[in-house]
N, C-alpha and C. Protein backbone atom coordinates (compact mmCIF):
# COMPACT_ATOMS: atom_id res chain seq x y z
N MET A 1 -4.50 -16.78 5.68
CA MET A 1 -3.22 -16.44 5.12
C MET A 1 -2.30 -17.64 5.23
N ARG A 2 -1.58 -17.85 4.18
CA ARG A 2 -0.64 -18.97 4.14
C ARG A 2 0.65 -18.58 4.87
N VAL A 3 1.23 -19.52 5.59
CA VAL A 3 2.48 -19.32 6.32
C VAL A 3 3.49 -20.34 5.83
N GLU A 4 4.70 -19.87 5.52
CA GLU A 4 5.77 -20.76 5.06
C GLU A 4 7.06 -20.44 5.78
N LEU A 5 7.85 -21.46 6.00
CA LEU A 5 9.19 -21.27 6.55
C LEU A 5 10.11 -20.70 5.48
N VAL A 6 11.09 -19.94 5.90
CA VAL A 6 12.04 -19.38 4.94
C VAL A 6 12.77 -20.50 4.20
N THR A 7 13.02 -21.62 4.87
CA THR A 7 13.68 -22.73 4.18
C THR A 7 12.80 -23.32 3.10
N THR A 8 11.48 -23.34 3.33
CA THR A 8 10.55 -23.82 2.31
C THR A 8 10.56 -22.87 1.11
N LEU A 9 10.62 -21.57 1.40
CA LEU A 9 10.70 -20.59 0.32
C LEU A 9 11.95 -20.81 -0.51
N LYS A 10 13.06 -21.05 0.15
CA LYS A 10 14.32 -21.28 -0.57
C LYS A 10 14.23 -22.50 -1.49
N ARG A 11 13.58 -23.55 -1.00
CA ARG A 11 13.51 -24.80 -1.76
C ARG A 11 12.41 -24.81 -2.83
N HIS A 12 11.33 -24.08 -2.58
CA HIS A 12 10.15 -24.17 -3.45
C HIS A 12 9.66 -22.79 -3.90
N ALA A 13 10.57 -21.87 -4.13
CA ALA A 13 10.19 -20.49 -4.48
C ALA A 13 9.29 -20.44 -5.70
N THR A 14 9.61 -21.20 -6.73
CA THR A 14 8.82 -21.15 -7.96
C THR A 14 7.38 -21.58 -7.71
N LYS A 15 7.19 -22.64 -6.96
CA LYS A 15 5.83 -23.12 -6.66
C LYS A 15 5.09 -22.13 -5.76
N ILE A 16 5.76 -21.62 -4.75
CA ILE A 16 5.12 -20.67 -3.84
C ILE A 16 4.70 -19.42 -4.60
N LEU A 17 5.55 -18.92 -5.49
CA LEU A 17 5.20 -17.75 -6.29
C LEU A 17 4.05 -18.05 -7.25
N ALA A 18 4.06 -19.22 -7.85
CA ALA A 18 2.97 -19.59 -8.76
C ALA A 18 1.64 -19.65 -8.00
N ASP A 19 1.67 -20.24 -6.80
CA ASP A 19 0.47 -20.30 -5.97
C ASP A 19 0.01 -18.89 -5.56
N LEU A 20 0.97 -18.04 -5.25
CA LEU A 20 0.65 -16.67 -4.87
C LEU A 20 -0.04 -15.94 -6.01
N HIS A 21 0.47 -16.09 -7.22
CA HIS A 21 -0.12 -15.40 -8.37
C HIS A 21 -1.52 -15.93 -8.68
N SER A 22 -1.74 -17.20 -8.48
CA SER A 22 -3.07 -17.74 -8.80
C SER A 22 -4.09 -17.47 -7.69
N SER A 23 -3.66 -17.55 -6.44
CA SER A 23 -4.61 -17.37 -5.32
C SER A 23 -4.73 -15.93 -4.86
N LYS A 24 -3.72 -15.13 -5.12
CA LYS A 24 -3.66 -13.73 -4.65
C LYS A 24 -3.62 -13.65 -3.12
N GLU A 25 -3.39 -14.77 -2.46
CA GLU A 25 -3.34 -14.80 -1.00
C GLU A 25 -1.91 -14.51 -0.52
N PRO A 26 -1.72 -13.51 0.33
CA PRO A 26 -0.38 -13.21 0.83
C PRO A 26 0.23 -14.42 1.55
N VAL A 27 1.55 -14.48 1.55
CA VAL A 27 2.27 -15.56 2.22
C VAL A 27 3.15 -14.93 3.29
N LEU A 28 2.99 -15.38 4.53
CA LEU A 28 3.83 -14.92 5.62
C LEU A 28 5.03 -15.85 5.70
N ILE A 29 6.22 -15.28 5.61
CA ILE A 29 7.46 -16.06 5.71
C ILE A 29 7.98 -15.93 7.13
N THR A 30 8.30 -17.07 7.73
CA THR A 30 8.81 -17.06 9.10
C THR A 30 10.26 -17.54 9.13
N GLU A 31 11.01 -16.98 10.06
CA GLU A 31 12.38 -17.42 10.34
C GLU A 31 12.47 -17.71 11.83
N HIS A 32 12.94 -18.88 12.16
CA HIS A 32 13.09 -19.28 13.56
C HIS A 32 11.78 -19.12 14.32
N GLY A 33 10.67 -19.41 13.64
CA GLY A 33 9.36 -19.37 14.28
C GLY A 33 8.75 -17.98 14.42
N LYS A 34 9.42 -16.96 13.88
CA LYS A 34 8.92 -15.59 14.01
C LYS A 34 8.63 -15.01 12.63
N PRO A 35 7.60 -14.18 12.52
CA PRO A 35 7.30 -13.54 11.23
C PRO A 35 8.50 -12.73 10.74
N SER A 36 8.80 -12.86 9.46
CA SER A 36 9.96 -12.18 8.89
C SER A 36 9.58 -11.28 7.72
N ALA A 37 8.67 -11.74 6.87
CA ALA A 37 8.30 -10.97 5.68
C ALA A 37 6.98 -11.48 5.13
N TYR A 38 6.36 -10.65 4.31
CA TYR A 38 5.17 -11.04 3.57
C TYR A 38 5.50 -11.07 2.09
N LEU A 39 5.00 -12.06 1.41
CA LEU A 39 5.03 -12.07 -0.06
C LEU A 39 3.63 -11.71 -0.52
N VAL A 40 3.54 -10.70 -1.37
CA VAL A 40 2.24 -10.31 -1.91
C VAL A 40 2.36 -10.16 -3.41
N ASP A 41 1.26 -10.37 -4.09
CA ASP A 41 1.19 -10.21 -5.53
C ASP A 41 1.50 -8.75 -5.89
N VAL A 42 2.15 -8.52 -7.02
CA VAL A 42 2.55 -7.19 -7.44
C VAL A 42 1.34 -6.26 -7.56
N GLU A 43 0.27 -6.73 -8.18
CA GLU A 43 -0.92 -5.89 -8.34
C GLU A 43 -1.50 -5.50 -6.98
N ASP A 44 -1.53 -6.44 -6.05
CA ASP A 44 -2.04 -6.15 -4.71
C ASP A 44 -1.15 -5.14 -4.00
N TYR A 45 0.15 -5.29 -4.13
CA TYR A 45 1.10 -4.36 -3.52
C TYR A 45 0.91 -2.95 -4.08
N GLU A 46 0.80 -2.84 -5.40
CA GLU A 46 0.62 -1.53 -6.02
C GLU A 46 -0.71 -0.90 -5.60
N PHE A 47 -1.76 -1.72 -5.49
CA PHE A 47 -3.05 -1.23 -5.01
C PHE A 47 -2.92 -0.69 -3.59
N MET A 48 -2.20 -1.42 -2.73
CA MET A 48 -2.02 -0.98 -1.34
C MET A 48 -1.24 0.33 -1.29
N GLN A 49 -0.23 0.47 -2.16
CA GLN A 49 0.55 1.71 -2.21
C GLN A 49 -0.32 2.89 -2.63
N GLN A 50 -1.18 2.69 -3.63
CA GLN A 50 -2.08 3.75 -4.08
C GLN A 50 -3.05 4.13 -2.96
N ARG A 51 -3.58 3.13 -2.29
CA ARG A 51 -4.51 3.39 -1.18
C ARG A 51 -3.80 4.17 -0.07
N MET A 52 -2.56 3.81 0.20
CA MET A 52 -1.79 4.49 1.24
C MET A 52 -1.57 5.96 0.87
N GLN A 53 -1.29 6.24 -0.39
CA GLN A 53 -1.11 7.62 -0.83
C GLN A 53 -2.40 8.42 -0.65
N ILE A 54 -3.53 7.82 -0.97
CA ILE A 54 -4.82 8.50 -0.80
C ILE A 54 -5.06 8.79 0.68
N LEU A 55 -4.83 7.80 1.53
CA LEU A 55 -5.05 7.99 2.97
C LEU A 55 -4.10 9.04 3.55
N GLU A 56 -2.85 9.08 3.06
CA GLU A 56 -1.92 10.11 3.51
C GLU A 56 -2.39 11.49 3.08
N GLY A 57 -2.95 11.60 1.88
CA GLY A 57 -3.49 12.87 1.41
C GLY A 57 -4.66 13.32 2.26
N VAL A 58 -5.54 12.39 2.61
CA VAL A 58 -6.66 12.72 3.49
C VAL A 58 -6.16 13.18 4.84
N ALA A 59 -5.16 12.49 5.37
CA ALA A 59 -4.60 12.87 6.68
C ALA A 59 -3.98 14.27 6.62
N ARG A 60 -3.27 14.59 5.52
CA ARG A 60 -2.70 15.94 5.37
C ARG A 60 -3.81 16.98 5.31
N GLY A 61 -4.90 16.66 4.60
CA GLY A 61 -6.02 17.58 4.52
C GLY A 61 -6.67 17.81 5.88
N GLU A 62 -6.85 16.74 6.63
CA GLU A 62 -7.44 16.87 7.96
C GLU A 62 -6.54 17.70 8.88
N GLN A 63 -5.23 17.50 8.76
CA GLN A 63 -4.28 18.28 9.57
C GLN A 63 -4.33 19.75 9.17
N ALA A 64 -4.44 20.03 7.88
CA ALA A 64 -4.55 21.41 7.41
C ALA A 64 -5.80 22.07 7.97
N ILE A 65 -6.91 21.34 8.02
CA ILE A 65 -8.15 21.89 8.59
C ILE A 65 -7.96 22.20 10.07
N ARG A 66 -7.34 21.26 10.81
CA ARG A 66 -7.10 21.49 12.24
C ARG A 66 -6.20 22.69 12.47
N ASN A 67 -5.23 22.90 11.56
CA ASN A 67 -4.29 24.01 11.69
C ASN A 67 -4.86 25.32 11.14
N GLY A 68 -6.04 25.25 10.54
CA GLY A 68 -6.63 26.45 9.96
C GLY A 68 -5.95 26.87 8.67
N ASP A 69 -5.24 25.96 8.04
CA ASP A 69 -4.50 26.25 6.81
C ASP A 69 -5.38 25.89 5.61
N THR A 70 -6.44 26.66 5.44
CA THR A 70 -7.40 26.38 4.37
C THR A 70 -7.64 27.65 3.55
N PHE A 71 -8.30 27.49 2.42
CA PHE A 71 -8.63 28.61 1.54
C PHE A 71 -10.14 28.72 1.43
N SER A 72 -10.60 29.92 1.17
CA SER A 72 -12.02 30.08 0.85
C SER A 72 -12.27 29.45 -0.51
N ASN A 73 -13.53 29.24 -0.83
CA ASN A 73 -13.89 28.65 -2.11
C ASN A 73 -13.38 29.53 -3.26
N GLU A 74 -13.55 30.84 -3.14
CA GLU A 74 -13.11 31.75 -4.20
C GLU A 74 -11.59 31.73 -4.36
N ASP A 75 -10.85 31.71 -3.25
CA ASP A 75 -9.39 31.66 -3.32
C ASP A 75 -8.92 30.34 -3.95
N ALA A 76 -9.59 29.28 -3.58
CA ALA A 76 -9.22 27.97 -4.13
C ALA A 76 -9.47 27.94 -5.63
N LYS A 77 -10.62 28.48 -6.07
CA LYS A 77 -10.91 28.53 -7.50
C LYS A 77 -9.86 29.33 -8.25
N GLU A 78 -9.45 30.45 -7.67
CA GLU A 78 -8.45 31.30 -8.32
C GLU A 78 -7.11 30.56 -8.44
N LYS A 79 -6.69 29.93 -7.38
CA LYS A 79 -5.42 29.17 -7.43
C LYS A 79 -5.50 28.01 -8.41
N MET A 80 -6.63 27.30 -8.45
CA MET A 80 -6.78 26.15 -9.32
C MET A 80 -6.90 26.56 -10.79
N SER A 81 -7.45 27.76 -11.05
CA SER A 81 -7.63 28.18 -12.44
C SER A 81 -6.29 28.28 -13.18
N LYS A 82 -5.22 28.54 -12.44
CA LYS A 82 -3.89 28.61 -13.04
C LYS A 82 -3.45 27.23 -13.55
N TRP A 83 -3.89 26.17 -12.89
CA TRP A 83 -3.52 24.81 -13.26
C TRP A 83 -4.45 24.21 -14.28
N LEU A 84 -5.66 24.70 -14.32
CA LEU A 84 -6.68 24.07 -15.17
C LEU A 84 -6.86 24.72 -16.52
N LYS A 85 -5.97 25.62 -16.85
CA LYS A 85 -6.08 26.29 -18.16
C LYS A 85 -5.61 25.40 -19.27
């Protein structure tokens, strides 16, 4: 992963962004020697957001199973038939 100072970003934003788009490699921006932010390509960010939504859905499903908040196969089919018409 590439690391850049915030001052470098201020001075060379266009080049850093162009490199980011071509390499797809995230850029860690540091301020006063400490991590401050990541620059990531838009497509990569959107992919990560979609993946996060899927993982959150799986986690909700697992929690529902632990809580016993589930439906039988027949009940699920009946509820889904209303949406699939």
